[in-house]
C-alpha cells in the first residue's frame, strides 16, 4: 500500500528538505520503501545522510505547497528523538527512519528504510473529498514532466467538483495554488 505523507531529510550542512512522498508501507510500519527520482533533493540527502522522518499529515495546504516547492518559509520542526533529523510540529504521527539499502541503478531509486522510532502528536483529523482531491491534484503537479498535458488538465478539472462541494478555506487555497501552478507550468511558465 502507498501512504501519502511528507518526508523530511537533511543534507550534510543540516539544511532540512520537506517533500511529499508516498512510500510503500504495510500495516506494521516497521519498515517501508521510498522511490524518489534521482533528481530530487530527497534522493541526494538520503544518499549522503541516510536518515529521515516520514510524517502522516492532514494539512493538504502544507502538502500542496511542498509538492510544488512553494513553502514560503520552513515549517516549524523539532529535533527527532533517535536520529539526526527534524520532525514537523504539524504532523499527526511521525516515523524516524534509517536507510537500510539504496539501489539507484534505475531512474527511480529504491530505498529500503527501517523505522527506528515512532511518535504521535495529535489525532488525525481525517480526509473529506476535497482533501483527497487536493492530494491527487498535488501528485499530478509533480508529474508534469511525465504525463501528457491533456491528461493532467482533464484530471485537474475532474477534481475541481469535490473541492467546490466539500472544501474548507485551506482546501480551496491549496487546490487553487496547485491549479495555478499546473496552468502556468503547462503554458510555459514556472508556476506561481
Protein backbone atom coordinates (compact mmCIF):
# COMPACT_ATOMS: atom_id res chain seq x y z
CA UNK A 1 0.00 0.00 0.00
CA UNK A 2 1.20 3.54 -0.68
CA UNK A 3 0.79 6.00 2.19
CA UNK A 4 0.98 9.64 1.14
CA UNK A 5 2.88 11.79 3.60
CA UNK A 6 5.73 14.23 3.97
CA UNK A 7 9.38 13.24 4.36
CA UNK A 8 11.99 15.47 5.93
CA UNK A 9 15.66 14.87 5.19
CA UNK A 10 18.84 16.81 5.81
CA UNK A 11 21.95 17.46 3.79
CA UNK A 12 25.46 17.37 5.24
CA UNK A 13 25.14 21.01 6.34
CA UNK A 14 21.97 20.22 8.29
CA UNK A 15 19.59 22.05 5.93
CA UNK A 16 16.12 20.47 6.08
CA UNK A 17 14.23 19.46 2.95
CA UNK A 18 10.46 18.97 3.15
CA UNK A 19 8.96 16.80 0.38
CA UNK A 20 5.69 14.98 -0.13
CA UNK A 21 6.30 11.31 -0.73
CA UNK A 22 4.27 8.13 -0.96
CA UNK A 23 6.30 5.24 0.42
CA UNK A 24 5.20 1.64 0.08
CA UNK A 25 4.20 0.54 3.57
CA UNK A 26 2.48 -2.28 5.38
CA UNK A 27 0.32 -2.02 8.48
CA UNK A 28 3.19 -2.78 10.86
CA UNK A 29 5.06 0.40 9.83
CA UNK A 30 8.33 -1.23 10.90
CA UNK A 31 9.89 -0.56 7.51
CA UNK A 32 8.92 0.94 4.17
CA UNK A 33 10.22 1.61 0.67
CA UNK A 34 10.82 5.09 -0.76
CA UNK A 35 11.14 5.60 -4.53
CA UNK A 36 12.45 9.12 -5.17
CA UNK A 37 13.72 10.28 -8.53
CA UNK A 38 17.49 10.78 -8.63
CA UNK A 39 16.97 14.44 -9.50
CA UNK A 40 15.22 15.05 -6.17
CA UNK A 41 16.72 16.65 -3.09
CA UNK A 42 15.30 13.78 -1.02
CA UNK A 43 17.40 11.29 -3.00
CA UNK A 44 20.55 13.43 -2.73
CA UNK A 45 20.07 13.92 1.01
CA UNK A 46 19.37 10.26 1.78
CA UNK A 47 22.34 9.13 -0.30
CA UNK A 48 24.68 11.36 1.71
CA UNK A 49 22.88 11.35 5.07
CA UNK A 50 20.89 8.09 5.45
CA UNK A 51 18.28 9.29 7.95
CA UNK A 52 14.88 10.91 7.63
CA UNK A 53 11.41 11.28 9.06
CA UNK A 54 8.15 10.19 7.42
CA UNK A 55 5.15 12.23 8.62
CA UNK A 56 1.46 11.37 8.49
CA UNK A 57 -0.27 14.70 7.94
CA UNK A 58 -3.77 16.01 7.32
CA UNK A 59 -2.85 19.57 6.28
CA UNK A 60 -3.26 19.47 2.50
CA UNK A 61 -2.24 23.11 2.09
CA UNK A 62 1.20 22.32 3.53
CA UNK A 63 1.41 19.18 1.42
CA UNK A 64 0.44 21.06 -1.75
CA UNK A 65 2.97 23.82 -1.08
CA UNK A 66 5.70 21.25 -0.52
CA UNK A 67 4.74 19.39 -3.70
CA UNK A 68 5.20 22.47 -5.90
CA UNK A 69 8.10 23.98 -3.93
CA UNK A 70 6.05 26.89 -2.63
CA UNK A 71 6.80 26.73 1.09
CA UNK A 72 7.49 30.42 1.77
CA UNK A 73 9.30 29.52 4.97
CA UNK A 74 10.40 26.28 6.53
CA UNK A 75 7.66 24.65 8.60
CA UNK A 76 8.17 24.51 12.35
CA UNK A 77 10.11 21.41 13.45
CA UNK A 78 11.78 19.86 16.47
CA UNK A 79 14.75 17.52 16.79
CA UNK A 80 13.97 13.86 16.12
CA UNK A 81 14.37 11.56 19.12
CA UNK A 82 16.78 8.89 17.81
CA UNK A 83 18.24 10.16 14.54
CA UNK A 84 19.83 13.36 13.25
CA UNK A 85 16.66 14.73 11.67
CA UNK A 86 13.68 17.03 12.11
CA UNK A 87 10.02 16.33 12.93
CA UNK A 88 7.23 18.60 11.65
CA UNK A 89 5.26 20.00 14.59
CA UNK A 90 2.11 19.97 12.43
CA UNK A 91 2.23 16.19 11.85
CA UNK A 92 -0.23 13.75 13.33
CA UNK A 93 2.32 10.92 13.57
CA UNK A 94 5.94 10.56 12.61
CA UNK A 95 8.34 7.72 11.82
CA UNK A 96 12.06 8.27 12.18
CA UNK A 97 13.96 6.02 9.79
CA UNK A 98 17.39 4.83 8.79
CA UNK A 99 18.22 3.82 5.22
CA UNK A 100 19.00 0.10 5.06
CA UNK A 101 19.62 -0.20 1.31
CA UNK A 102 19.73 2.28 -1.57
CA UNK A 103 19.56 0.95 -5.14
CA UNK A 104 19.96 3.73 -7.70
CA UNK A 105 20.51 1.60 -10.80
CA UNK A 106 17.14 2.80 -12.19
CA UNK A 107 15.81 6.34 -12.64
CA UNK A 108 13.59 5.88 -9.58
CA UNK A 109 15.78 4.87 -6.71
CA UNK A 110 14.60 2.12 -4.38
CA UNK A 111 15.37 2.95 -0.78
CA UNK A 112 14.52 0.43 1.90
CA UNK A 113 14.13 2.16 5.24
CA UNK A 114 13.80 0.76 8.75
CA UNK A 115 11.72 2.66 11.31
CA UNK A 116 13.82 3.29 14.43
CA UNK A 117 11.33 5.42 16.36
CA UNK A 118 7.68 6.45 16.01
CA UNK A 119 5.75 9.21 17.72
CA UNK A 120 2.32 10.77 17.85
CA UNK A 121 1.49 14.46 18.25
CA UNK A 122 -2.29 14.55 17.77
CA UNK A 123 -5.28 12.77 16.32
CA UNK A 124 -5.62 12.57 12.57
CA UNK A 125 -8.43 14.97 11.63
CA UNK A 126 -9.45 12.90 8.63
CA UNK A 127 -9.90 13.48 4.95
CA UNK A 128 -13.02 14.64 3.18
CA UNK A 129 -13.46 14.52 -0.59
CA UNK A 130 -11.82 17.94 -1.03
CA UNK A 131 -8.70 16.87 0.88
CA UNK A 132 -8.44 13.77 -1.32
CA UNK A 133 -8.89 15.92 -4.43
CA UNK A 134 -6.12 18.30 -3.36
CA UNK A 135 -3.83 15.37 -2.64
CA UNK A 136 -4.47 13.93 -6.11
CA UNK A 137 -4.00 17.35 -7.74
CA UNK A 138 -0.69 17.84 -5.92
CA UNK A 139 0.51 14.46 -7.15
CA UNK A 140 -0.47 15.43 -10.70
CA UNK A 141 1.51 18.67 -10.32
CA UNK A 142 4.62 16.63 -9.57
CA UNK A 143 4.07 14.58 -12.75
CA UNK A 144 4.02 17.42 -15.28
CA UNK A 145 7.30 16.19 -16.76
CA UNK A 146 5.91 12.64 -17.12
CA UNK A 147 2.21 12.79 -18.09
CA UNK A 148 0.61 14.34 -21.20
CA UNK A 149 -0.77 17.84 -20.61
CA UNK A 150 -4.30 16.94 -21.75
CA UNK A 151 -4.43 14.08 -19.25
CA UNK A 152 -3.29 16.33 -16.39
CA UNK A 153 -5.78 19.06 -17.30
CA UNK A 154 -8.67 16.60 -17.58
CA UNK A 155 -7.88 15.10 -14.18
CA UNK A 156 -7.48 18.51 -12.52
CA UNK A 157 -10.84 19.53 -13.99
CA UNK A 158 -12.50 16.36 -12.62
CA UNK A 159 -11.03 17.06 -9.16
CA UNK A 160 -12.50 20.58 -9.12
CA UNK A 161 -16.05 19.37 -8.33
CA UNK A 162 -15.34 17.70 -4.96
CA UNK A 163 -13.35 20.77 -3.92
CA UNK A 164 -16.21 23.10 -4.83
CA UNK A 165 -18.70 20.90 -2.95
CA UNK A 166 -16.81 19.94 0.22
CA UNK A 167 -13.76 22.17 0.78
CA UNK A 168 -12.95 24.46 3.65
CA UNK A 169 -10.73 27.53 3.23
CA UNK A 170 -7.40 25.61 3.40
CA UNK A 171 -8.51 23.05 0.82
CA UNK A 172 -9.77 25.79 -1.53
CA UNK A 173 -6.49 27.68 -1.18
CA UNK A 174 -4.45 24.50 -1.72
CA UNK A 175 -6.41 23.47 -4.82
CA UNK A 176 -6.18 26.98 -6.30
CA UNK A 177 -2.43 27.05 -5.64
CA UNK A 178 -1.94 23.71 -7.40
CA UNK A 179 -4.29 24.61 -10.26
CA UNK A 180 -2.45 27.91 -10.86
CA UNK A 181 0.89 26.09 -10.78
CA UNK A 182 -0.27 23.44 -13.27
CA UNK A 183 -1.78 26.01 -15.64
CA UNK A 184 1.35 28.19 -15.58
CA UNK A 185 3.69 25.22 -15.94
CA UNK A 186 1.82 23.78 -18.90
CA UNK A 187 1.69 27.22 -20.53
CA UNK A 188 5.45 27.58 -20.40
CA UNK A 189 5.71 29.50 -17.13
CA UNK A 190 7.22 28.39 -13.88
CA UNK A 191 4.01 28.35 -11.89
CA UNK A 192 3.16 30.86 -9.18
